[in-house]
């Protein structure tokens, strides 16, 4: 793990990286510790596809609707978002500071015959190389970093002028504490206890300011809600707990 820990203390948390690295072998276990990520994946992917198609004038119904677009999946884990986006034709790069996660992602992509460029790297590593992308993804990431404004400033140069930054995260509300931590972690055991720290949840107004400080403009905020009777997730105007956001650069 030495390579993973050569990082800026303002953008990454060693304990958070180690925590998820321990679960690397379970990324593609639909009933394992990441099962709720798999459950919300269809909703996240629909949102990402539709935002990209709207921005880049693509047909969301086309099988290769994202063909030719370069995407960066930061904190890609085992690749559960990178792979589906690559199947839609995107040129996907996935980075994660934990070698264990990248090894799991590469192994699964090889078995599934999906082409994704996975790398053990930090945001700073990639920015130093001068790389830029049509869209950058931060999915369930910002609630695990100690300084969101500093992190977004480090990420922003990776977004091409006119490109998008898309993220999903949790709102810092009492409702989110009750549902995402007490309910999901301690009572229902949907997630391992300690997965989240409520004080690191990010309110949409804080996110807007952090985006502005990084030279990005927030253009959309959409909620994700769980419907217990249907046992499924859907997009919603309700951003009290989970939400997605899109920002543009330039």
C-alpha atoms as a PDB file:
ATOM      1  CA  UNK A   1       0.000   0.000   0.000  1.00  0.00           C
ATOM      2  CA  UNK A   2       3.008   2.354   0.037  1.00  0.00           C
ATOM      3  CA  UNK A   3       2.206   3.725  -3.411  1.00  0.00           C
ATOM      4  CA  UNK A   4      -1.375   4.427  -2.406  1.00  0.00           C
ATOM      5  CA  UNK A   5      -0.257   6.543   0.521  1.00  0.00           C
ATOM      6  CA  UNK A   6       1.975   8.922  -1.459  1.00  0.00           C
ATOM      7  CA  UNK A   7      -0.784  11.540  -1.504  1.00  0.00           C
ATOM      8  CA  UNK A   8      -1.797  15.030  -0.575  1.00  0.00           C
ATOM      9  CA  UNK A   9      -3.288  15.059   2.912  1.00  0.00           C
ATOM     10  CA  UNK A  10      -5.771  17.736   1.829  1.00  0.00           C
ATOM     11  CA  UNK A  11      -7.454  15.560  -0.784  1.00  0.00           C
ATOM     12  CA  UNK A  12      -7.325  11.960   0.414  1.00  0.00           C
ATOM     13  CA  UNK A  13      -7.737  10.123   3.700  1.00  0.00           C
ATOM     14  CA  UNK A  14      -5.440   7.143   4.330  1.00  0.00           C
ATOM     15  CA  UNK A  15      -7.904   5.417   6.627  1.00  0.00           C
ATOM     16  CA  UNK A  16     -10.715   5.715   4.073  1.00  0.00           C
ATOM     17  CA  UNK A  17      -8.524   4.240   1.327  1.00  0.00           C
ATOM     18  CA  UNK A  18      -7.425   1.352   3.533  1.00  0.00           C
ATOM     19  CA  UNK A  19     -11.039   0.660   4.523  1.00  0.00           C
ATOM     20  CA  UNK A  20     -12.197   0.234   0.932  1.00  0.00           C
ATOM     21  CA  UNK A  21      -9.036  -1.614  -0.088  1.00  0.00           C
ATOM     22  CA  UNK A  22      -9.943  -4.342   2.422  1.00  0.00           C
ATOM     23  CA  UNK A  23     -13.214  -4.871   0.514  1.00  0.00           C
ATOM     24  CA  UNK A  24     -11.534  -5.045  -2.918  1.00  0.00           C
ATOM     25  CA  UNK A  25     -12.350  -8.707  -3.450  1.00  0.00           C
ATOM     26  CA  UNK A  26     -16.074  -8.070  -3.020  1.00  0.00           C
ATOM     27  CA  UNK A  27     -16.675  -5.296  -5.559  1.00  0.00           C
ATOM     28  CA  UNK A  28     -18.623  -7.551  -7.920  1.00  0.00           C
ATOM     29  CA  UNK A  29     -20.456  -9.491  -5.218  1.00  0.00           C
ATOM     30  CA  UNK A  30     -24.017  -8.241  -5.638  1.00  0.00           C
ATOM     31  CA  UNK A  31     -24.893  -9.442  -2.122  1.00  0.00           C
ATOM     32  CA  UNK A  32     -21.668  -8.261  -0.481  1.00  0.00           C
ATOM     33  CA  UNK A  33     -20.629  -4.999   1.216  1.00  0.00           C
ATOM     34  CA  UNK A  34     -21.137  -3.038  -2.023  1.00  0.00           C
ATOM     35  CA  UNK A  35     -24.634  -4.345  -2.742  1.00  0.00           C
ATOM     36  CA  UNK A  36     -26.264  -0.933  -2.254  1.00  0.00           C
ATOM     37  CA  UNK A  37     -23.924   0.592  -4.832  1.00  0.00           C
ATOM     38  CA  UNK A  38     -25.100  -2.054  -7.259  1.00  0.00           C
ATOM     39  CA  UNK A  39     -28.689  -1.244  -6.336  1.00  0.00           C
ATOM     40  CA  UNK A  40     -28.292   2.465  -7.093  1.00  0.00           C
ATOM     41  CA  UNK A  41     -26.086   1.895 -10.143  1.00  0.00           C
ATOM     42  CA  UNK A  42     -28.896   1.849 -12.742  1.00  0.00           C
ATOM     43  CA  UNK A  43     -30.141   5.227 -11.482  1.00  0.00           C
ATOM     44  CA  UNK A  44     -26.650   6.741 -11.417  1.00  0.00           C
ATOM     45  CA  UNK A  45     -25.844   5.429 -14.888  1.00  0.00           C
ATOM     46  CA  UNK A  46     -29.093   6.743 -16.346  1.00  0.00           C
ATOM     47  CA  UNK A  47     -28.400  10.180 -14.912  1.00  0.00           C
ATOM     48  CA  UNK A  48     -24.807  10.201 -16.182  1.00  0.00           C
ATOM     49  CA  UNK A  49     -25.786   9.016 -19.666  1.00  0.00           C
ATOM     50  CA  UNK A  50     -28.588  11.545 -19.993  1.00  0.00           C
ATOM     51  CA  UNK A  51     -26.473  14.464 -18.775  1.00  0.00           C
ATOM     52  CA  UNK A  52     -23.671  13.559 -21.181  1.00  0.00           C
ATOM     53  CA  UNK A  53     -26.043  13.064 -24.103  1.00  0.00           C
ATOM     54  CA  UNK A  54     -27.690  16.416 -23.409  1.00  0.00           C
ATOM     55  CA  UNK A  55     -24.356  18.188 -23.180  1.00  0.00           C
ATOM     56  CA  UNK A  56     -22.755  16.573 -26.217  1.00  0.00           C
ATOM     57  CA  UNK A  57     -25.889  16.271 -28.399  1.00  0.00           C
ATOM     58  CA  UNK A  58     -26.112  12.491 -28.389  1.00  0.00           C
ATOM     59  CA  UNK A  59     -29.090  10.140 -28.633  1.00  0.00           C
ATOM     60  CA  UNK A  60     -29.508   8.491 -25.202  1.00  0.00           C
ATOM     61  CA  UNK A  61     -31.349   5.576 -26.828  1.00  0.00           C
ATOM     62  CA  UNK A  62     -28.394   4.677 -29.059  1.00  0.00           C
ATOM     63  CA  UNK A  63     -26.440   1.563 -28.085  1.00  0.00           C
ATOM     64  CA  UNK A  64     -23.164   3.505 -28.341  1.00  0.00           C
ATOM     65  CA  UNK A  65     -24.516   6.838 -27.143  1.00  0.00           C
ATOM     66  CA  UNK A  66     -21.202   7.822 -25.518  1.00  0.00           C
ATOM     67  CA  UNK A  67     -18.935   6.807 -28.391  1.00  0.00           C
ATOM     68  CA  UNK A  68     -15.901   9.055 -28.721  1.00  0.00           C
ATOM     69  CA  UNK A  69     -16.269  10.726 -25.324  1.00  0.00           C
ATOM     70  CA  UNK A  70     -13.381  10.533 -22.867  1.00  0.00           C
ATOM     71  CA  UNK A  71     -14.447   9.859 -19.277  1.00  0.00           C
ATOM     72  CA  UNK A  72     -12.459   9.746 -16.037  1.00  0.00           C
ATOM     73  CA  UNK A  73     -13.887   7.740 -13.134  1.00  0.00           C
ATOM     74  CA  UNK A  74     -12.119   8.954  -9.975  1.00  0.00           C
ATOM     75  CA  UNK A  75     -12.217   6.481  -7.103  1.00  0.00           C
ATOM     76  CA  UNK A  76     -13.359   3.807  -9.535  1.00  0.00           C
ATOM     77  CA  UNK A  77     -13.078   0.959  -7.029  1.00  0.00           C
ATOM     78  CA  UNK A  78     -13.709  -2.327  -8.805  1.00  0.00           C
ATOM     79  CA  UNK A  79     -15.091  -0.649 -11.912  1.00  0.00           C
ATOM     80  CA  UNK A  80     -18.830  -1.090 -11.399  1.00  0.00           C
ATOM     81  CA  UNK A  81     -19.478   2.264 -13.123  1.00  0.00           C
ATOM     82  CA  UNK A  82     -16.502   2.311 -15.491  1.00  0.00           C
ATOM     83  CA  UNK A  83     -17.480  -0.918 -17.233  1.00  0.00           C
ATOM     84  CA  UNK A  84     -21.090  -0.012 -18.123  1.00  0.00           C
ATOM     85  CA  UNK A  85     -19.990   3.379 -19.460  1.00  0.00           C
ATOM     86  CA  UNK A  86     -17.326   1.708 -21.599  1.00  0.00           C
ATOM     87  CA  UNK A  87     -20.036  -0.592 -22.978  1.00  0.00           C
ATOM     88  CA  UNK A  88     -21.869   2.567 -24.113  1.00  0.00           C
ATOM     89  CA  UNK A  89     -18.840   3.437 -26.226  1.00  0.00           C
ATOM     90  CA  UNK A  90     -16.985   5.853 -23.953  1.00  0.00           C
ATOM     91  CA  UNK A  91     -13.203   5.873 -23.684  1.00  0.00           C
ATOM     92  CA  UNK A  92     -12.989   5.319 -19.922  1.00  0.00           C
ATOM     93  CA  UNK A  93     -10.044   5.810 -17.591  1.00  0.00           C
ATOM     94  CA  UNK A  94     -10.530   4.639 -14.018  1.00  0.00           C
ATOM     95  CA  UNK A  95      -8.196   5.687 -11.212  1.00  0.00           C
ATOM     96  CA  UNK A  96      -7.989   4.644  -7.584  1.00  0.00           C
ATOM     97  CA  UNK A  97      -5.174   5.094  -5.040  1.00  0.00           C
ATOM     98  CA  UNK A  98      -5.611   1.532  -3.729  1.00  0.00           C
ATOM     99  CA  UNK A  99      -3.766  -1.087  -5.823  1.00  0.00           C
ATOM    100  CA  UNK A 100      -6.147  -3.781  -4.527  1.00  0.00           C
ATOM    101  CA  UNK A 101      -9.109  -2.033  -6.119  1.00  0.00           C
ATOM    102  CA  UNK A 102      -7.368  -1.573  -9.458  1.00  0.00           C
ATOM    103  CA  UNK A 103      -6.320  -5.232  -9.503  1.00  0.00           C
ATOM    104  CA  UNK A 104      -9.940  -6.265  -8.934  1.00  0.00           C
ATOM    105  CA  UNK A 105     -11.160  -3.868 -11.634  1.00  0.00           C
ATOM    106  CA  UNK A 106      -8.629  -5.096 -14.187  1.00  0.00           C
ATOM    107  CA  UNK A 107      -9.419  -8.741 -13.482  1.00  0.00           C
ATOM    108  CA  UNK A 108     -13.152  -8.249 -13.912  1.00  0.00           C
ATOM    109  CA  UNK A 109     -12.796  -6.135 -17.066  1.00  0.00           C
ATOM    110  CA  UNK A 110     -10.541  -8.753 -18.613  1.00  0.00           C
ATOM    111  CA  UNK A 111     -13.033 -11.501 -17.853  1.00  0.00           C
ATOM    112  CA  UNK A 112     -15.905  -9.409 -19.198  1.00  0.00           C
ATOM    113  CA  UNK A 113     -13.854  -8.323 -22.235  1.00  0.00           C
ATOM    114  CA  UNK A 114     -14.450  -4.653 -21.586  1.00  0.00           C
ATOM    115  CA  UNK A 115     -11.735  -2.129 -22.439  1.00  0.00           C
ATOM    116  CA  UNK A 116     -11.074   0.295 -19.552  1.00  0.00           C
ATOM    117  CA  UNK A 117      -7.766   2.013 -18.774  1.00  0.00           C
ATOM    118  CA  UNK A 118      -7.348   1.358 -15.046  1.00  0.00           C
ATOM    119  CA  UNK A 119      -4.515   3.003 -13.143  1.00  0.00           C
ATOM    120  CA  UNK A 120      -3.255   3.212  -9.563  1.00  0.00           C
ATOM    121  CA  UNK A 121      -3.111   6.984  -9.317  1.00  0.00           C
ATOM    122  CA  UNK A 122      -4.295  10.083  -7.470  1.00  0.00           C
ATOM    123  CA  UNK A 123      -5.955  13.161  -8.937  1.00  0.00           C
ATOM    124  CA  UNK A 124      -2.687  15.049  -8.518  1.00  0.00           C
ATOM    125  CA  UNK A 125      -0.794  12.357 -10.462  1.00  0.00           C
ATOM    126  CA  UNK A 126      -3.118  12.654 -13.438  1.00  0.00           C
ATOM    127  CA  UNK A 127      -3.341  16.454 -13.365  1.00  0.00           C
ATOM    128  CA  UNK A 128       0.472  16.661 -13.404  1.00  0.00           C
ATOM    129  CA  UNK A 129       0.466  14.688 -16.659  1.00  0.00           C
ATOM    130  CA  UNK A 130      -1.713  17.313 -18.350  1.00  0.00           C
ATOM    131  CA  UNK A 131      -4.530  14.863 -19.087  1.00  0.00           C
ATOM    132  CA  UNK A 132      -8.040  16.247 -19.664  1.00  0.00           C
ATOM    133  CA  UNK A 133     -11.409  14.563 -20.236  1.00  0.00           C
ATOM    134  CA  UNK A 134     -14.827  15.382 -21.644  1.00  0.00           C
ATOM    135  CA  UNK A 135     -16.320  14.347 -18.310  1.00  0.00           C
ATOM    136  CA  UNK A 136     -15.015  13.518 -14.849  1.00  0.00           C
ATOM    137  CA  UNK A 137     -16.989  11.358 -12.407  1.00  0.00           C
ATOM    138  CA  UNK A 138     -16.887  11.552  -8.605  1.00  0.00           C
ATOM    139  CA  UNK A 139     -19.375   8.945  -7.441  1.00  0.00           C
ATOM    140  CA  UNK A 140     -19.697   8.462  -3.664  1.00  0.00           C
ATOM    141  CA  UNK A 141     -16.266  10.072  -3.304  1.00  0.00           C
ATOM    142  CA  UNK A 142     -16.478  13.599  -1.870  1.00  0.00           C
ATOM    143  CA  UNK A 143     -18.018  12.402   1.414  1.00  0.00           C
ATOM    144  CA  UNK A 144     -14.786  10.479   2.007  1.00  0.00           C
ATOM    145  CA  UNK A 145     -12.298  13.350   1.552  1.00  0.00           C
ATOM    146  CA  UNK A 146     -11.298  15.741   4.354  1.00  0.00           C
ATOM    147  CA  UNK A 147     -11.381  18.977   2.334  1.00  0.00           C
ATOM    148  CA  UNK A 148     -13.950  19.083  -0.472  1.00  0.00           C
ATOM    149  CA  UNK A 149     -13.071  22.578  -1.837  1.00  0.00           C
ATOM    150  CA  UNK A 150      -9.368  21.665  -2.053  1.00  0.00           C
ATOM    151  CA  UNK A 151     -10.211  18.341  -3.680  1.00  0.00           C
ATOM    152  CA  UNK A 152     -12.437  19.955  -6.327  1.00  0.00           C
ATOM    153  CA  UNK A 153      -9.720  22.509  -7.109  1.00  0.00           C
ATOM    154  CA  UNK A 154      -7.377  19.582  -7.763  1.00  0.00           C
ATOM    155  CA  UNK A 155      -9.970  17.822  -9.937  1.00  0.00           C
ATOM    156  CA  UNK A 156     -11.119  20.817 -12.028  1.00  0.00           C
ATOM    157  CA  UNK A 157      -8.066  20.970 -14.367  1.00  0.00           C
ATOM    158  CA  UNK A 158      -8.891  17.425 -15.500  1.00  0.00           C
ATOM    159  CA  UNK A 159     -12.171  18.629 -17.042  1.00  0.00           C
ATOM    160  CA  UNK A 160     -11.897  19.965 -20.583  1.00  0.00           C
ATOM    161  CA  UNK A 161     -13.263  23.422 -21.292  1.00  0.00           C
ATOM    162  CA  UNK A 162     -16.949  22.866 -21.989  1.00  0.00           C
ATOM    163  CA  UNK A 163     -16.832  19.481 -20.277  1.00  0.00           C
ATOM    164  CA  UNK A 164     -18.735  18.169 -17.288  1.00  0.00           C
ATOM    165  CA  UNK A 165     -18.036  17.050 -13.743  1.00  0.00           C
ATOM    166  CA  UNK A 166     -20.681  14.676 -12.407  1.00  0.00           C
ATOM    167  CA  UNK A 167     -20.916  13.445  -8.844  1.00  0.00           C
ATOM    168  CA  UNK A 168     -23.148  11.652  -6.399  1.00  0.00           C
ATOM    169  CA  UNK A 169     -22.995  12.105  -2.657  1.00  0.00           C
ATOM    170  CA  UNK A 170     -25.009  12.513   0.556  1.00  0.00           C
ATOM    171  CA  UNK A 171     -26.599  15.621   2.025  1.00  0.00           C
ATOM    172  CA  UNK A 172     -25.674  16.620   5.583  1.00  0.00           C
ATOM    173  CA  UNK A 173     -29.164  16.576   7.072  1.00  0.00           C
ATOM    174  CA  UNK A 174     -30.684  14.872  10.092  1.00  0.00           C
ATOM    175  CA  UNK A 175     -32.761  12.812   7.676  1.00  0.00           C
ATOM    176  CA  UNK A 176     -29.575  11.591   5.987  1.00  0.00           C
ATOM    177  CA  UNK A 177     -28.082  10.695   9.370  1.00  0.00           C
ATOM    178  CA  UNK A 178     -31.198   8.757  10.307  1.00  0.00           C
ATOM    179  CA  UNK A 179     -31.512   6.891   7.010  1.00  0.00           C
ATOM    180  CA  UNK A 180     -27.951   6.535   5.689  1.00  0.00           C
ATOM    181  CA  UNK A 181     -26.158   5.841   8.960  1.00  0.00           C
ATOM    182  CA  UNK A 182     -28.608   4.684  11.629  1.00  0.00           C
ATOM    183  CA  UNK A 183     -30.914   2.912   9.175  1.00  0.00           C
ATOM    184  CA  UNK A 184     -28.612   1.640   6.415  1.00  0.00           C
ATOM    185  CA  UNK A 185     -25.531   0.864   8.538  1.00  0.00           C
ATOM    186  CA  UNK A 186     -26.711   0.078  12.065  1.00  0.00           C
ATOM    187  CA  UNK A 187     -30.217  -1.363  11.664  1.00  0.00           C
ATOM    188  CA  UNK A 188     -30.641  -2.785   8.131  1.00  0.00           C
ATOM    189  CA  UNK A 189     -26.927  -3.581   7.728  1.00  0.00           C
ATOM    190  CA  UNK A 190     -27.059  -2.550   4.067  1.00  0.00           C
ATOM    191  CA  UNK A 191     -23.563  -1.117   4.526  1.00  0.00           C
ATOM    192  CA  UNK A 192     -20.720  -2.016   6.881  1.00  0.00           C
ATOM    193  CA  UNK A 193     -20.862   0.060  10.079  1.00  0.00           C
ATOM    194  CA  UNK A 194     -18.498   3.016   9.789  1.00  0.00           C
ATOM    195  CA  UNK A 195     -18.831   3.357   6.013  1.00  0.00           C
ATOM    196  CA  UNK A 196     -19.820   7.007   6.379  1.00  0.00           C
ATOM    197  CA  UNK A 197     -18.996   9.964   8.614  1.00  0.00           C
ATOM    198  CA  UNK A 198     -22.015  12.263   8.802  1.00  0.00           C
ATOM    199  CA  UNK A 199     -19.907  15.385   9.367  1.00  0.00           C
ATOM    200  CA  UNK A 200     -18.349  14.848   5.927  1.00  0.00           C
ATOM    201  CA  UNK A 201     -21.672  14.801   4.105  1.00  0.00           C
ATOM    202  CA  UNK A 202     -21.964  17.806   1.769  1.00  0.00           C
ATOM    203  CA  UNK A 203     -24.942  20.137   1.459  1.00  0.00           C
ATOM    204  CA  UNK A 204     -25.842  21.291  -2.085  1.00  0.00           C
ATOM    205  CA  UNK A 205     -25.216  24.945  -1.150  1.00  0.00           C
ATOM    206  CA  UNK A 206     -21.729  24.030   0.076  1.00  0.00           C
ATOM    207  CA  UNK A 207     -21.122  22.096  -3.108  1.00  0.00           C
ATOM    208  CA  UNK A 208     -22.147  25.062  -5.244  1.00  0.00           C
ATOM    209  CA  UNK A 209     -19.621  27.286  -3.458  1.00  0.00           C
ATOM    210  CA  UNK A 210     -16.889  24.644  -3.723  1.00  0.00           C
ATOM    211  CA  UNK A 211     -17.551  24.293  -7.445  1.00  0.00           C
ATOM    212  CA  UNK A 212     -17.379  28.052  -7.934  1.00  0.00           C
ATOM    213  CA  UNK A 213     -14.080  28.182  -6.066  1.00  0.00           C
ATOM    214  CA  UNK A 214     -12.719  25.562  -8.469  1.00  0.00           C
ATOM    215  CA  UNK A 215     -13.882  27.414 -11.594  1.00  0.00           C
ATOM    216  CA  UNK A 216     -16.882  25.148 -12.128  1.00  0.00           C
ATOM    217  CA  UNK A 217     -20.568  26.036 -12.442  1.00  0.00           C
ATOM    218  CA  UNK A 218     -23.275  23.863 -10.899  1.00  0.00           C
ATOM    219  CA  UNK A 219     -25.996  23.336 -13.527  1.00  0.00           C
ATOM    220  CA  UNK A 220     -28.099  20.522 -12.079  1.00  0.00           C
ATOM    221  CA  UNK A 221     -28.935  18.871  -8.769  1.00  0.00           C
ATOM    222  CA  UNK A 222     -31.181  15.797  -8.700  1.00  0.00           C
ATOM    223  CA  UNK A 223     -32.114  13.580  -5.776  1.00  0.00           C
ATOM    224  CA  UNK A 224     -32.022   9.786  -5.507  1.00  0.00           C
ATOM    225  CA  UNK A 225     -34.641   8.166  -3.302  1.00  0.00           C
ATOM    226  CA  UNK A 226     -35.362   4.630  -2.184  1.00  0.00           C
ATOM    227  CA  UNK A 227     -38.950   3.477  -2.608  1.00  0.00           C
ATOM    228  CA  UNK A 228     -39.467   0.657  -0.069  1.00  0.00           C
ATOM    229  CA  UNK A 229     -42.745  -0.658  -1.477  1.00  0.00           C
ATOM    230  CA  UNK A 230     -41.239  -0.999  -4.948  1.00  0.00           C
ATOM    231  CA  UNK A 231     -37.842  -1.957  -3.468  1.00  0.00           C
ATOM    232  CA  UNK A 232     -36.029   0.249  -5.963  1.00  0.00           C
ATOM    233  CA  UNK A 233     -34.196   3.551  -6.349  1.00  0.00           C
ATOM    234  CA  UNK A 234     -35.351   6.398  -8.569  1.00  0.00           C
ATOM    235  CA  UNK A 235     -34.457   9.976  -9.467  1.00  0.00           C
ATOM    236  CA  UNK A 236     -36.376  12.617  -7.542  1.00  0.00           C
ATOM    237  CA  UNK A 237     -36.588  16.296  -6.611  1.00  0.00           C
ATOM    238  CA  UNK A 238     -35.900  15.197  -3.029  1.00  0.00           C
ATOM    239  CA  UNK A 239     -32.219  15.864  -2.288  1.00  0.00           C
ATOM    240  CA  UNK A 240     -32.496  15.434   1.490  1.00  0.00           C
ATOM    241  CA  UNK A 241     -30.395  12.251   1.559  1.00  0.00           C
ATOM    242  CA  UNK A 242     -28.751  11.084  -1.680  1.00  0.00           C
ATOM    243  CA  UNK A 243     -28.265  13.374  -4.645  1.00  0.00           C
ATOM    244  CA  UNK A 244     -26.449  13.746  -7.948  1.00  0.00           C
ATOM    245  CA  UNK A 245     -24.978  16.948  -9.330  1.00  0.00           C
ATOM    246  CA  UNK A 246     -23.540  18.190 -12.606  1.00  0.00           C
ATOM    247  CA  UNK A 247     -21.143  21.092 -13.094  1.00  0.00           C
ATOM    248  CA  UNK A 248     -19.540  22.499 -16.215  1.00  0.00           C
ATOM    249  CA  UNK A 249     -16.155  24.056 -16.809  1.00  0.00           C
ATOM    250  CA  UNK A 250     -15.966  27.028 -19.127  1.00  0.00           C
END
